[in-house]
Each structure stands twice: as structure tokens, then as C-alpha cells.
Amino acid sequence: MSAPAPLPPGSRARGTSDAAWLLVFACWLVATLATLGALFFSEVMELPPCVLCWYQRIFMFPLVILLPLGLFPFDPRIVRYALALVLGGWGISVFQMLLVAGVIPEAIRPCTKGVPCSEVQIEWLGFVNIPLLSFLAFSTMIALLVAAHLRSKR
């Protein structure tokens, strides 16, 4: 019985690079859907965003442009740059979820003018609200970017 033929030089790196590319592309899809969803809520449904929602948009919206710049051609450093934005938005989304849940005391509320940050404007199935959607989007992007980073290091 003969041993399997060795892979051509660079073929393994190419396969891991392809996997990392797909993970970053999936992250771009999540960022694009989240951006379109945020714009739909504010522009079509006319729900005014609170201060924390604006901060989360500041971290989310640039990803729609930044991620494709690292995809064509693929640059593994895009993961580092995008992860910084995603972690910032994730932190704000966690804070807002704790605020909506009542874990954060009234004295720390950042939204003193305009729309209250703890107000639930939409609630689907009894528990899905806008802060939860934001948290899920940022969490999914963290998982995708970490997986892309691990794939690109191989």
C-alpha cells in the first residue's frame, strides 16, 4: 500500500485562507443585515433610536464598508481591525440589555433626553427586542471573526 501523495506547496494555506475568507464574508453579511435592519426600524417604521442605539450604529455601520476592503484581495489583518469595532459595539449592546432587564440601576441611565434606552419599542415572541437583536448580531460577528483569525493562522 502506498502513502497518499503529498499536497502541492501552498495548497494547505490556500484552503485555510479560503475558509477564513468565507468566515469574514459571513461576518460582512451579518453586518449588512444588521445595518439594513437598523435603517428599516428608524426610517421605515419611524422608531427613533436611543443614545445607546446610536453608539451601536457607530460601531456597526463602518463594518459594511471595512470588511469588503479586506476581502478583495483577502487580508487577514482585517480581522483585527473589524474585531475592535465589533467588541466595542458588543459591550454597548450588553450594557443596553442589562439596562432593559433592570439589572443596571436607574442612576446610571445614559439616556436622560429623548428616547429612553430602557424602553422596549418592539417585542416579538414575548422576548425578542431590538437590544437582543443587536447583541446577537455582535456576538455572531465575534464568533465569525475569531474563527477566521484561527483559520488564517494555520
Protein backbone atom coordinates (compact mmCIF):
# COMPACT_ATOMS: atom_id res chain seq x y z
CA MET A 1 0.00 0.00 0.00
CA SER A 2 1.45 3.37 -0.95
CA ALA A 3 1.28 6.55 1.09
CA PRO A 4 -1.03 9.31 -0.11
CA ALA A 5 0.57 11.81 -2.44
CA PRO A 6 1.85 14.91 -0.68
CA LEU A 7 -0.09 18.11 -1.17
CA PRO A 8 1.43 20.67 -3.50
CA PRO A 9 3.24 23.51 -1.73
CA GLY A 10 0.86 26.21 -0.55
CA SER A 11 -2.34 24.18 -1.05
CA ARG A 12 -3.00 23.80 2.67
CA ALA A 13 -2.51 27.51 3.28
CA ARG A 14 -4.85 28.25 0.39
CA GLY A 15 -7.59 26.06 1.92
CA THR A 16 -7.33 27.74 5.29
CA SER A 17 -7.24 31.13 3.59
CA ASP A 18 -10.44 30.23 1.71
CA ALA A 19 -12.13 29.23 4.97
CA ALA A 20 -11.06 32.48 6.64
CA TRP A 21 -12.33 34.43 3.61
CA LEU A 22 -15.73 32.75 3.87
CA LEU A 23 -15.95 33.50 7.61
CA VAL A 24 -15.14 37.18 7.07
CA PHE A 25 -17.66 37.27 4.21
CA ALA A 26 -20.30 35.78 6.54
CA CYS A 27 -19.42 38.47 9.07
CA TRP A 28 -19.97 41.10 6.37
CA LEU A 29 -23.41 39.58 5.63
CA VAL A 30 -24.37 39.83 9.32
CA ALA A 31 -23.15 43.45 9.49
CA THR A 32 -25.08 44.31 6.33
CA LEU A 33 -28.29 42.69 7.59
CA ALA A 34 -27.95 44.44 10.96
CA THR A 35 -27.36 47.78 9.24
CA LEU A 36 -30.35 47.33 6.94
CA GLY A 37 -32.46 46.26 9.93
CA ALA A 38 -31.45 49.34 11.94
CA LEU A 39 -32.25 51.59 8.99
CA PHE A 40 -35.58 49.81 8.49
CA PHE A 41 -36.57 50.35 12.13
CA SER A 42 -35.68 54.05 12.07
CA GLU A 43 -36.56 55.11 8.53
CA VAL A 44 -39.47 52.85 7.55
CA MET A 45 -41.07 52.05 10.91
CA GLU A 46 -40.12 55.53 12.18
CA LEU A 47 -38.85 54.28 15.54
CA PRO A 48 -36.43 56.87 16.91
CA PRO A 49 -33.13 55.34 18.10
CA CYS A 50 -31.95 55.96 21.65
CA VAL A 51 -28.45 57.16 22.53
CA LEU A 52 -27.11 53.63 23.05
CA CYS A 53 -28.59 52.56 19.72
CA TRP A 54 -26.71 55.41 18.04
CA TYR A 55 -23.45 54.28 19.65
CA GLN A 56 -24.03 50.73 18.47
CA ARG A 57 -24.68 52.04 14.95
CA ILE A 58 -21.38 53.92 15.09
CA PHE A 59 -19.64 50.58 15.63
CA MET A 60 -21.79 48.57 13.16
CA PHE A 61 -22.18 50.76 10.08
CA PRO A 62 -18.46 51.11 9.18
CA LEU A 63 -18.13 47.31 9.10
CA VAL A 64 -20.28 47.19 5.96
CA ILE A 65 -17.55 49.12 4.11
CA LEU A 66 -14.48 47.97 6.06
CA LEU A 67 -14.96 44.20 5.73
CA PRO A 68 -15.13 44.07 1.90
CA LEU A 69 -11.93 46.13 1.75
CA GLY A 70 -10.19 43.25 3.48
CA LEU A 71 -11.83 40.62 1.29
CA PHE A 72 -10.72 41.75 -2.17
CA PRO A 73 -7.91 40.68 -2.03
CA PHE A 74 -8.09 38.83 1.27
CA ASP A 75 -6.00 40.41 4.00
CA PRO A 76 -6.02 38.51 7.33
CA ARG A 77 -5.36 41.78 9.20
CA ILE A 78 -8.97 42.82 8.51
CA VAL A 79 -10.00 40.51 11.35
CA ARG A 80 -8.04 42.60 13.86
CA TYR A 81 -9.49 45.89 12.65
CA ALA A 82 -13.06 44.63 12.48
CA LEU A 83 -12.84 42.87 15.84
CA ALA A 84 -12.03 46.16 17.56
CA LEU A 85 -15.27 47.68 16.24
CA VAL A 86 -17.32 44.58 16.95
CA LEU A 87 -16.12 44.30 20.56
CA GLY A 88 -16.96 47.97 21.19
CA GLY A 89 -20.49 47.53 19.83
CA TRP A 90 -20.89 44.26 21.73
CA GLY A 91 -20.01 45.97 25.01
CA ILE A 92 -22.61 48.66 24.45
CA SER A 93 -25.22 46.06 23.48
CA VAL A 94 -24.55 44.11 26.69
CA PHE A 95 -24.92 47.32 28.70
CA GLN A 96 -28.24 48.08 26.99
CA MET A 97 -29.55 44.55 27.56
CA LEU A 98 -28.72 44.84 31.26
CA LEU A 99 -30.42 48.24 31.32
CA VAL A 100 -33.59 46.84 29.70
CA ALA A 101 -33.56 43.85 32.09
CA GLY A 102 -33.41 46.22 35.07
CA VAL A 103 -30.01 44.99 36.30
CA ILE A 104 -28.41 48.43 35.89
CA PRO A 105 -29.73 50.91 38.46
CA GLU A 106 -31.73 53.98 37.47
CA ALA A 107 -28.92 56.38 38.44
CA ILE A 108 -26.58 55.09 35.70
CA ARG A 109 -29.03 55.57 32.82
CA PRO A 110 -27.25 57.27 29.92
CA CYS A 111 -30.42 58.34 28.10
CA THR A 112 -31.73 61.32 30.01
CA LYS A 113 -33.12 63.18 26.97
CA GLY A 114 -35.09 61.82 24.04
CA VAL A 115 -35.96 58.14 23.78
CA PRO A 116 -35.26 56.18 26.99
CA CYS A 117 -32.68 53.44 26.45
CA SER A 118 -34.59 51.00 28.64
CA GLU A 119 -37.84 51.38 26.67
CA VAL A 120 -38.80 48.31 24.63
CA GLN A 121 -40.24 49.56 21.34
CA ILE A 122 -40.65 46.15 19.68
CA GLU A 123 -41.14 42.76 21.31
CA TRP A 124 -41.58 39.64 19.19
CA LEU A 125 -42.50 36.27 20.72
CA GLY A 126 -42.51 37.90 24.13
CA PHE A 127 -38.73 38.26 24.44
CA VAL A 128 -37.09 39.33 21.14
CA ASN A 129 -36.42 43.08 21.20
CA ILE A 130 -34.05 45.44 19.39
CA PRO A 131 -31.29 45.31 22.05
CA LEU A 132 -31.35 41.49 21.87
CA LEU A 133 -31.09 41.58 18.06
CA SER A 134 -28.09 43.88 18.32
CA PHE A 135 -26.45 41.65 20.92
CA LEU A 136 -26.98 38.57 18.75
CA ALA A 137 -25.54 40.30 15.67
CA PHE A 138 -22.41 41.47 17.51
CA SER A 139 -21.98 38.06 19.22
CA THR A 140 -22.28 36.24 15.89
CA MET A 141 -19.70 38.55 14.33
CA ILE A 142 -17.30 37.97 17.24
CA ALA A 143 -17.58 34.20 16.74
CA LEU A 144 -17.05 34.51 12.98
CA LEU A 145 -14.05 36.82 13.30
CA VAL A 146 -12.37 34.69 15.97
CA ALA A 147 -12.88 31.61 13.80
CA ALA A 148 -11.46 33.49 10.79
CA HIS A 149 -8.45 34.51 12.85
CA LEU A 150 -7.82 30.93 13.93
CA ARG A 151 -8.20 29.68 10.34
CA SER A 152 -5.85 32.30 8.90
CA LYS A 153 -3.10 31.42 11.43
CA ARG A 154 -2.90 27.79 10.19
